[in-house]
């Protein structure tokens, strides 16, 4: 059988002769996210000293990294046109396994870290397989998987507890050339995405999210794409769990639920379409920074913490509105 022809994503910048205004409209959601981040940072910097320093960058990146890792996997799934709720259960289970099994030796930590990452990929791949083979909705499949994983985490560690080695926690705050390890991880995420989006898999995921029927008729295996897509989401969720243990130094059987909706929100705020086929990891990472800095801003303004979800919701609504308006305008101009 001949090799599958990979369809190109349906995006205005890939079609020659497209009006520059169409391209600008297509990037409008990302540009809105950049503007939001600039405004938040400006307000935050006017009330807090030392905001524009490497130390503040180190602190904010460390606070955002768990969400960034979870949102990276979620972005891949959203580009495919799906959603992954099971990342919450995987994050909880990952922290619980780490806190109860790591021990003190580097060898044991390395083995169990690899096992957690492998488990994350396997669970995600199973999600993709169930979605494809049984023709089930991603929302329902990953909701069920989330519940199962969360239940297993509760069986292993009913309450917050356990511990990880001190040197493992220290890794989350280690610095090199004035930048903390989370900042270097952020740079690696950009490098990964630059490579991944140009690979055959990355192109096919985006193309399938743009038009699944066209991808299928071009010879793309939807099952393989789903397995790879959700497998990567599970892998990044497991990575988020491992990083989270460097921040809390313990395990928590329920902490993963705090990253499910924010991972989707970060992607949407950054311009990733909920309907698949459009978006960029840079926007997702900006969205994660926005959600993190909102908490800092609420604190320095000395207002009730209850305003944080209110502000986050308003920003999410504005982002969805900007995305919808820009997409309709771009399509109208392109026609």
Protein backbone atom coordinates (compact mmCIF):
# COMPACT_ATOMS: atom_id res chain seq x y z
CA UNK A 1 0.00 0.00 0.00
CA UNK A 2 1.39 3.40 -0.88
CA UNK A 3 2.33 5.84 1.84
CA UNK A 4 -0.40 8.14 3.11
CA UNK A 5 -0.46 11.63 1.71
CA UNK A 6 -0.36 14.08 4.56
CA UNK A 7 -2.91 16.86 4.01
CA UNK A 8 -1.74 20.32 4.86
CA UNK A 9 -3.61 22.19 7.61
CA UNK A 10 -6.24 24.57 6.34
CA UNK A 11 -4.69 27.89 7.37
CA UNK A 12 -4.64 31.17 5.58
CA UNK A 13 -0.88 31.66 5.81
CA UNK A 14 -0.29 28.50 3.79
CA UNK A 15 -2.32 29.67 0.80
CA UNK A 16 -0.42 31.93 -1.60
CA UNK A 17 -1.86 35.29 -2.43
CA UNK A 18 -3.94 35.64 0.69
CA UNK A 19 -4.60 39.20 1.82
CA UNK A 20 -2.29 40.26 4.68
CA UNK A 21 -5.40 41.35 6.59
CA UNK A 22 -6.64 37.75 6.53
CA UNK A 23 -3.35 36.62 8.04
CA UNK A 24 -3.59 39.31 10.69
CA UNK A 25 -7.14 38.28 11.56
CA UNK A 26 -6.05 34.65 11.73
CA UNK A 27 -3.43 35.61 14.32
CA UNK A 28 -5.75 37.97 16.19
CA UNK A 29 -6.49 35.61 19.14
CA UNK A 30 -2.74 35.16 19.77
CA UNK A 31 -2.14 38.90 19.49
CA UNK A 32 -4.98 39.57 21.94
CA UNK A 33 -3.34 37.16 24.40
CA UNK A 34 -0.02 38.99 24.03
CA UNK A 35 -1.77 42.31 24.68
CA UNK A 36 -3.51 40.88 27.77
CA UNK A 37 -0.20 39.63 29.14
CA UNK A 38 1.47 42.99 28.52
CA UNK A 39 -1.34 44.84 30.33
CA UNK A 40 -1.28 42.46 33.31
CA UNK A 41 2.52 42.68 33.60
CA UNK A 42 2.39 46.48 33.35
CA UNK A 43 -0.22 46.74 36.12
CA UNK A 44 1.62 44.19 38.25
CA UNK A 45 4.92 46.02 37.73
CA UNK A 46 3.40 49.35 38.78
CA UNK A 47 2.42 47.89 42.18
CA UNK A 48 5.29 45.49 42.81
CA UNK A 49 9.03 46.15 42.70
CA UNK A 50 11.43 43.78 40.99
CA UNK A 51 8.87 42.46 38.50
CA UNK A 52 11.15 42.99 35.50
CA UNK A 53 14.05 40.95 36.86
CA UNK A 54 15.36 37.40 36.29
CA UNK A 55 14.34 36.48 39.85
CA UNK A 56 10.70 37.30 39.15
CA UNK A 57 10.89 35.38 35.88
CA UNK A 58 12.25 32.38 37.75
CA UNK A 59 9.47 32.52 40.35
CA UNK A 60 6.62 33.02 37.87
CA UNK A 61 7.88 30.30 35.53
CA UNK A 62 8.18 27.84 38.43
CA UNK A 63 4.62 28.69 39.48
CA UNK A 64 3.37 28.21 35.91
CA UNK A 65 5.39 25.18 34.79
CA UNK A 66 3.02 22.44 35.98
CA UNK A 67 0.17 24.13 34.12
CA UNK A 68 2.39 24.71 31.08
CA UNK A 69 3.29 21.04 30.84
CA UNK A 70 -0.31 19.92 31.27
CA UNK A 71 -1.48 22.56 28.77
CA UNK A 72 1.13 21.44 26.21
CA UNK A 73 -0.46 18.02 26.04
CA UNK A 74 -3.91 19.58 26.04
CA UNK A 75 -2.90 21.83 23.13
CA UNK A 76 -1.92 18.81 21.03
CA UNK A 77 -5.31 17.22 21.74
CA UNK A 78 -7.22 20.44 21.00
CA UNK A 79 -5.38 20.81 17.68
CA UNK A 80 -6.66 17.34 16.87
CA UNK A 81 -10.16 18.52 17.69
CA UNK A 82 -10.56 16.62 20.98
CA UNK A 83 -10.25 17.25 24.69
CA UNK A 84 -8.49 15.36 27.49
CA UNK A 85 -9.95 15.44 30.99
CA UNK A 86 -7.90 12.48 32.15
CA UNK A 87 -4.82 14.65 32.67
CA UNK A 88 -6.25 15.50 36.11
CA UNK A 89 -6.24 11.88 37.18
CA UNK A 90 -2.78 11.30 35.69
CA UNK A 91 -1.30 14.26 37.54
CA UNK A 92 -2.79 13.07 40.84
CA UNK A 93 -1.68 9.47 40.31
CA UNK A 94 1.78 10.56 39.21
CA UNK A 95 2.40 12.60 42.36
CA UNK A 96 1.10 9.75 44.54
CA UNK A 97 3.35 7.14 42.92
CA UNK A 98 6.35 9.46 43.18
CA UNK A 99 5.69 10.27 46.84
CA UNK A 100 5.30 6.64 47.85
CA UNK A 101 7.85 4.88 45.63
CA UNK A 102 10.74 7.23 44.86
CA UNK A 103 12.93 6.45 47.86
CA UNK A 104 16.20 8.37 48.23
CA UNK A 105 18.52 6.92 45.59
CA UNK A 106 18.90 8.47 42.12
CA UNK A 107 18.54 5.05 40.52
CA UNK A 108 15.16 4.42 42.14
CA UNK A 109 13.96 7.92 41.24
CA UNK A 110 15.02 7.45 37.61
CA UNK A 111 13.26 4.09 37.31
CA UNK A 112 10.01 5.30 38.86
CA UNK A 113 10.09 8.55 36.87
CA UNK A 114 10.39 6.53 33.67
CA UNK A 115 7.56 4.27 34.87
CA UNK A 116 5.29 7.27 35.55
CA UNK A 117 6.03 8.73 32.10
CA UNK A 118 5.38 5.36 30.46
CA UNK A 119 2.13 5.01 32.40
CA UNK A 120 1.04 8.47 31.27
CA UNK A 121 1.67 7.65 27.62
CA UNK A 122 -0.02 4.25 27.92
CA UNK A 123 -3.16 5.68 29.55
CA UNK A 124 -3.36 8.39 26.90
CA UNK A 125 -2.83 5.87 24.10
CA UNK A 126 -5.64 3.76 25.56
CA UNK A 127 -7.89 6.83 25.52
CA UNK A 128 -7.11 7.35 21.84
CA UNK A 129 -7.74 3.70 21.05
CA UNK A 130 -11.11 3.66 22.83
CA UNK A 131 -12.19 6.87 21.11
CA UNK A 132 -11.33 5.45 17.69
CA UNK A 133 -12.35 1.81 17.98
CA UNK A 134 -15.60 2.36 19.90
CA UNK A 135 -16.47 5.67 18.20
CA UNK A 136 -16.94 7.36 21.58
CA UNK A 137 -16.81 11.03 22.44
CA UNK A 138 -13.40 12.18 23.82
CA UNK A 139 -15.15 14.06 26.62
CA UNK A 140 -16.85 10.91 27.95
CA UNK A 141 -13.86 8.60 27.53
CA UNK A 142 -11.39 10.90 29.23
CA UNK A 143 -13.91 11.76 31.95
CA UNK A 144 -14.20 8.06 32.77
CA UNK A 145 -10.40 7.63 32.69
CA UNK A 146 -10.00 10.63 34.99
CA UNK A 147 -12.36 9.03 37.50
CA UNK A 148 -10.53 5.67 37.34
CA UNK A 149 -7.07 7.22 37.76
CA UNK A 150 -8.26 9.42 40.59
CA UNK A 151 -9.76 6.41 42.34
CA UNK A 152 -6.48 4.47 42.03
CA UNK A 153 -4.60 7.46 43.44
CA UNK A 154 -6.97 7.53 46.42
CA UNK A 155 -6.42 3.81 47.02
CA UNK A 156 -2.64 4.27 47.05
CA UNK A 157 -2.62 7.41 49.17
CA UNK A 158 -6.00 8.41 50.68
CA UNK A 159 -4.73 11.79 51.91
CA UNK A 160 -1.97 14.20 51.00
CA UNK A 161 1.34 12.82 52.18
CA UNK A 162 4.41 10.81 51.34
CA UNK A 163 7.66 12.49 50.40
CA UNK A 164 10.27 12.84 47.68
CA UNK A 165 14.05 13.23 48.14
CA UNK A 166 15.32 16.66 49.11
CA UNK A 167 17.62 16.76 46.11
CA UNK A 168 14.61 16.18 43.84
CA UNK A 169 12.86 19.20 45.36
CA UNK A 170 16.05 21.22 44.99
CA UNK A 171 16.02 20.50 41.25
CA UNK A 172 12.84 22.57 40.92
CA UNK A 173 14.71 25.62 42.22
CA UNK A 174 18.20 24.99 40.83
CA UNK A 175 19.75 27.76 38.73
CA UNK A 176 22.18 27.85 35.83
CA UNK A 177 23.46 31.12 34.34
CA UNK A 178 21.00 32.99 36.55
CA UNK A 179 17.97 31.14 35.20
CA UNK A 180 16.10 28.49 37.17
CA UNK A 181 15.46 24.98 35.88
CA UNK A 182 11.80 25.81 35.07
CA UNK A 183 12.97 28.60 32.75
CA UNK A 184 15.27 26.16 30.96
CA UNK A 185 12.35 23.74 30.75
CA UNK A 186 10.30 26.53 29.15
CA UNK A 187 13.04 27.02 26.56
CA UNK A 188 13.04 23.27 25.90
CA UNK A 189 9.27 23.37 25.36
CA UNK A 190 9.76 26.00 22.65
CA UNK A 191 12.50 23.91 21.06
CA UNK A 192 10.30 20.81 21.19
CA UNK A 193 7.38 22.62 19.57
CA UNK A 194 9.54 24.12 16.84
CA UNK A 195 10.63 20.60 15.96
CA UNK A 196 7.31 18.84 16.55
CA UNK A 197 5.10 21.15 14.47
CA UNK A 198 7.32 20.46 11.45
CA UNK A 199 7.27 16.68 11.82
CA UNK A 200 4.96 14.42 9.84
CA UNK A 201 3.02 13.63 13.03
CA UNK A 202 2.63 17.28 14.01
CA UNK A 203 1.45 18.29 10.54
CA UNK A 204 -0.98 15.37 10.37
CA UNK A 205 -2.48 16.07 13.80
CA UNK A 206 -3.20 19.65 12.82
CA UNK A 207 -4.51 18.66 9.40
CA UNK A 208 -6.79 16.02 10.90
CA UNK A 209 -8.13 18.56 13.35
CA UNK A 210 -8.86 20.94 10.47
CA UNK A 211 -10.70 18.35 8.39
CA UNK A 212 -10.88 14.75 9.59
CA UNK A 213 -12.74 13.51 6.52
CA UNK A 214 -10.16 14.98 4.16
CA UNK A 215 -7.34 13.47 6.22
CA UNK A 216 -8.99 10.05 6.16
CA UNK A 217 -9.52 10.19 2.38
CA UNK A 218 -5.84 11.11 2.03
CA UNK A 219 -4.89 7.82 3.70
CA UNK A 220 -4.29 9.01 7.25
CA UNK A 221 -5.02 6.43 9.94
CA UNK A 222 -7.36 8.21 12.36
CA UNK A 223 -6.76 5.51 14.99
CA UNK A 224 -2.99 5.97 14.90
CA UNK A 225 -3.34 9.73 15.08
CA UNK A 226 -5.67 9.49 18.09
CA UNK A 227 -3.37 7.04 19.87
CA UNK A 228 -0.35 9.29 19.28
CA UNK A 229 -2.23 12.49 20.17
CA UNK A 230 -3.71 11.29 23.46
CA UNK A 231 -0.55 9.36 24.25
CA UNK A 232 1.46 12.59 24.08
CA UNK A 233 -1.14 14.32 26.25
CA UNK A 234 -0.77 11.60 28.88
CA UNK A 235 3.01 11.83 28.64
CA UNK A 236 3.01 15.58 29.30
CA UNK A 237 0.51 15.12 32.16
CA UNK A 238 2.89 12.63 33.73
CA UNK A 239 5.72 15.13 33.26
CA UNK A 240 3.58 17.77 34.94
CA UNK A 241 3.08 15.41 37.88
CA UNK A 242 6.81 14.85 38.25
CA UNK A 243 7.53 18.57 38.18
CA UNK A 244 4.72 19.25 40.64
CA UNK A 245 6.38 17.00 43.20
CA UNK A 246 9.42 19.30 43.14
CA UNK A 247 7.12 22.13 44.19
CA UNK A 248 5.02 20.42 46.89
CA UNK A 249 7.48 17.74 48.01
CA UNK A 250 4.68 15.22 48.50
CA UNK A 251 1.81 13.44 46.78
CA UNK A 252 -1.83 14.45 46.52
CA UNK A 253 -4.64 12.18 45.24
CA UNK A 254 -6.87 15.10 44.30
CA UNK A 255 -4.54 17.88 43.15
CA UNK A 256 -4.86 17.03 39.46
CA UNK A 257 -8.38 18.40 39.21
CA UNK A 258 -6.94 21.90 39.63
CA UNK A 259 -5.24 21.63 36.22
CA UNK A 260 -7.96 20.22 33.97
CA UNK A 261 -9.98 23.31 33.09
CA UNK A 262 -7.01 25.72 33.43
CA UNK A 263 -5.10 23.66 30.85
CA UNK A 264 -7.97 24.15 28.40
CA UNK A 265 -8.34 27.81 29.39
CA UNK A 266 -4.63 28.50 28.86
CA UNK A 267 -4.80 27.07 25.36
CA UNK A 268 -8.00 28.92 24.43
CA UNK A 269 -6.72 32.22 25.84
CA UNK A 270 -3.60 31.72 23.71
CA UNK A 271 -5.63 31.33 20.53
CA UNK A 272 -5.96 27.54 20.18
CA UNK A 273 -9.28 26.67 18.58
CA UNK A 274 -11.65 24.35 20.43
CA UNK A 275 -12.68 22.98 17.04
CA UNK A 276 -9.18 21.83 16.08
CA UNK A 277 -6.64 22.70 13.44
CA UNK A 278 -5.53 26.12 14.67
CA UNK A 279 -3.19 27.28 17.37
CA UNK A 280 0.39 27.42 18.60
CA UNK A 281 2.10 26.39 21.80
CA UNK A 282 3.47 29.91 22.27
CA UNK A 283 -0.08 31.15 22.76
CA UNK A 284 -0.80 28.38 25.27
CA UNK A 285 2.28 29.25 27.32
CA UNK A 286 1.27 32.92 27.30
CA UNK A 287 -2.19 31.85 28.45
CA UNK A 288 -0.64 29.88 31.32
CA UNK A 289 1.39 32.92 32.35
CA UNK A 290 -1.75 35.06 32.26
CA UNK A 291 -3.66 32.69 34.53
CA UNK A 292 -0.74 32.56 36.97
CA UNK A 293 -0.14 36.31 37.03
CA UNK A 294 -3.81 37.00 37.71
CA UNK A 295 -3.31 35.44 41.14
CA UNK A 296 -0.25 37.62 41.75
CA UNK A 297 -2.13 40.71 40.61
CA UNK A 298 -5.07 39.99 42.91
CA UNK A 299 -2.62 39.64 45.80
CA UNK A 300 -0.72 42.90 45.22
CA UNK A 301 -3.97 44.80 44.68
CA UNK A 302 -5.09 43.50 48.10
CA UNK A 303 -8.53 42.47 46.92
CA UNK A 304 -10.44 39.32 47.79
CA UNK A 305 -9.00 36.13 46.30
CA UNK A 306 -12.52 35.34 45.09
CA UNK A 307 -11.91 37.85 42.31
CA UNK A 308 -9.28 35.57 40.73
CA UNK A 309 -11.72 33.12 39.10
CA UNK A 310 -13.94 36.06 38.12
CA UNK A 311 -11.10 37.81 36.28
CA UNK A 312 -9.94 34.50 34.75
CA UNK A 313 -13.45 33.86 33.46
CA UNK A 314 -13.72 37.33 31.94
CA UNK A 315 -10.37 36.93 30.17
CA UNK A 316 -11.40 33.50 28.88
CA UNK A 317 -14.68 34.91 27.59
CA UNK A 318 -12.91 37.78 25.83
CA UNK A 319 -10.44 35.34 24.28
CA UNK A 320 -13.19 33.09 22.95
CA UNK A 321 -15.04 36.11 21.60
CA UNK A 322 -11.91 37.47 19.90
CA UNK A 323 -11.19 34.06 18.41
CA UNK A 324 -14.73 33.67 17.09
CA UNK A 325 -14.89 37.16 15.59
CA UNK A 326 -11.44 36.87 14.02
CA UNK A 327 -12.16 33.44 12.54
CA UNK A 328 -15.44 34.58 10.95
CA UNK A 329 -13.84 37.75 9.59
CA UNK A 330 -10.88 35.83 8.17
CA UNK A 331 -13.15 33.33 6.43
CA UNK A 332 -15.28 36.13 5.01
CA UNK A 333 -12.23 37.94 3.58
CA UNK A 334 -10.70 34.74 2.24
CA UNK A 335 -13.80 33.88 0.23
